[in-house]
Protein backbone atom coordinates (compact mmCIF):
# COMPACT_ATOMS: atom_id res chain seq x y z
CA UNK A 1 -76.16 65.54 21.03
CA UNK A 2 -77.95 64.67 17.82
CA UNK A 3 -76.11 62.70 15.19
CA UNK A 4 -76.53 62.71 11.44
CA UNK A 5 -78.32 59.39 11.72
CA UNK A 6 -80.87 60.81 14.18
CA UNK A 7 -81.54 63.75 11.87
CA UNK A 8 -81.91 61.47 8.85
CA UNK A 9 -84.41 59.22 10.69
CA UNK A 10 -86.35 62.27 11.78
CA UNK A 11 -86.48 63.57 8.22
CA UNK A 12 -87.61 60.15 6.99
CA UNK A 13 -90.50 60.10 9.45
CA UNK A 14 -91.53 63.58 8.31
CA UNK A 15 -91.35 62.52 4.66
CA UNK A 16 -93.67 59.58 5.23
CA UNK A 17 -96.34 61.93 6.52
CA UNK A 18 -96.17 64.42 3.64
CA UNK A 19 -98.08 64.36 0.40
CA UNK A 20 -96.54 63.46 -2.91
CA UNK A 21 -96.27 67.07 -3.97
CA UNK A 22 -94.47 68.08 -0.77
CA UNK A 23 -92.06 65.12 -1.08
CA UNK A 24 -91.36 66.04 -4.69
CA UNK A 25 -90.61 69.65 -3.70
CA UNK A 26 -88.33 68.50 -0.85
CA UNK A 27 -86.58 66.10 -3.22
CA UNK A 28 -85.76 68.85 -5.68
CA UNK A 29 -84.45 71.06 -2.82
CA UNK A 30 -82.22 68.27 -1.57
CA UNK A 31 -80.90 67.49 -5.04
CA UNK A 32 -80.08 71.15 -5.59
CA UNK A 33 -78.21 71.33 -2.28
CA UNK A 34 -76.30 68.12 -3.12
CA UNK A 35 -75.39 69.49 -6.57
CA UNK A 36 -74.06 72.65 -4.93
CA UNK A 37 -71.91 70.68 -2.52
CA UNK A 38 -70.59 68.47 -5.34
CA UNK A 39 -69.70 71.58 -7.31
CA UNK A 40 -67.79 73.00 -4.36
CA UNK A 41 -65.82 69.76 -4.00
CA UNK A 42 -65.04 69.63 -7.76
CA UNK A 43 -63.88 73.23 -7.71
CA UNK A 44 -61.41 72.34 -4.96
CA UNK A 45 -63.18 74.22 -2.20
CA UNK A 46 -63.60 73.00 1.33
CA UNK A 47 -67.00 71.80 2.41
CA UNK A 48 -68.08 72.82 5.92
CA UNK A 49 -69.71 69.47 6.70
CA UNK A 50 -68.60 66.62 4.43
CA UNK A 51 -71.03 64.24 6.16
CA UNK A 52 -73.87 66.36 4.83
CA UNK A 53 -73.31 64.89 1.36
CA UNK A 54 -73.84 61.37 2.66
CA UNK A 55 -76.88 62.52 4.61
CA UNK A 56 -78.39 64.18 1.51
CA UNK A 57 -77.83 61.10 -0.64
CA UNK A 58 -79.44 58.86 1.96
CA UNK A 59 -82.42 61.14 2.45
CA UNK A 60 -82.97 61.41 -1.30
CA UNK A 61 -82.88 57.62 -1.58
CA UNK A 62 -85.39 57.28 1.22
CA UNK A 63 -87.79 59.75 -0.38
CA UNK A 64 -87.52 57.90 -3.72
CA UNK A 65 -88.15 54.60 -1.95
CA UNK A 66 -91.29 55.96 -0.35
CA UNK A 67 -92.51 57.28 -3.70
CA UNK A 68 -91.88 53.95 -5.43
CA UNK A 69 -93.63 52.01 -2.69
CA UNK A 70 -96.63 54.26 -3.08
CA UNK A 71 -96.67 53.71 -6.84
CA UNK A 72 -96.48 49.95 -6.40
CA UNK A 73 -99.15 49.95 -3.72
CA UNK A 74 -96.80 48.59 -1.06
CA UNK A 75 -97.34 51.56 1.21
CA UNK A 76 -100.76 53.01 1.99
CA UNK A 77 -101.27 56.73 2.12
CA UNK A 78 -102.67 58.21 5.25
CA UNK A 79 -105.99 58.92 3.54
CA UNK A 80 -106.26 55.36 2.26
CA UNK A 81 -105.46 53.93 5.72
CA UNK A 82 -108.17 56.08 7.34
CA UNK A 83 -110.71 55.05 4.72
CA UNK A 84 -109.86 51.41 5.26
CA UNK A 85 -110.37 51.79 9.00
CA UNK A 86 -113.75 53.45 8.46
CA UNK A 87 -114.88 50.57 6.23
CA UNK A 88 -113.85 48.02 8.85
CA UNK A 89 -115.81 49.90 11.52
CA UNK A 90 -118.89 49.98 9.32
CA UNK A 91 -118.70 46.22 8.77
CA UNK A 92 -118.82 45.59 12.53
């Protein structure tokens, strides 16, 4: 049985591998879904899976964290990591 936490961790790993454009697109999709769920709650409707809201907020935060780390240079992109490895091999 997969839990919400397992799904969130899986999504996070997928997000780390994607490009900035793909993460931005996914971020807008998640925000739209969260807005829809919030609207349903405000209107007094029942939400099928209330834990989904928490999961969406967490995933959005993780994507934003990855983006900010990339901007600050705290996280290397896959391309940059490969280029760094090639340079180290050439030095040897």
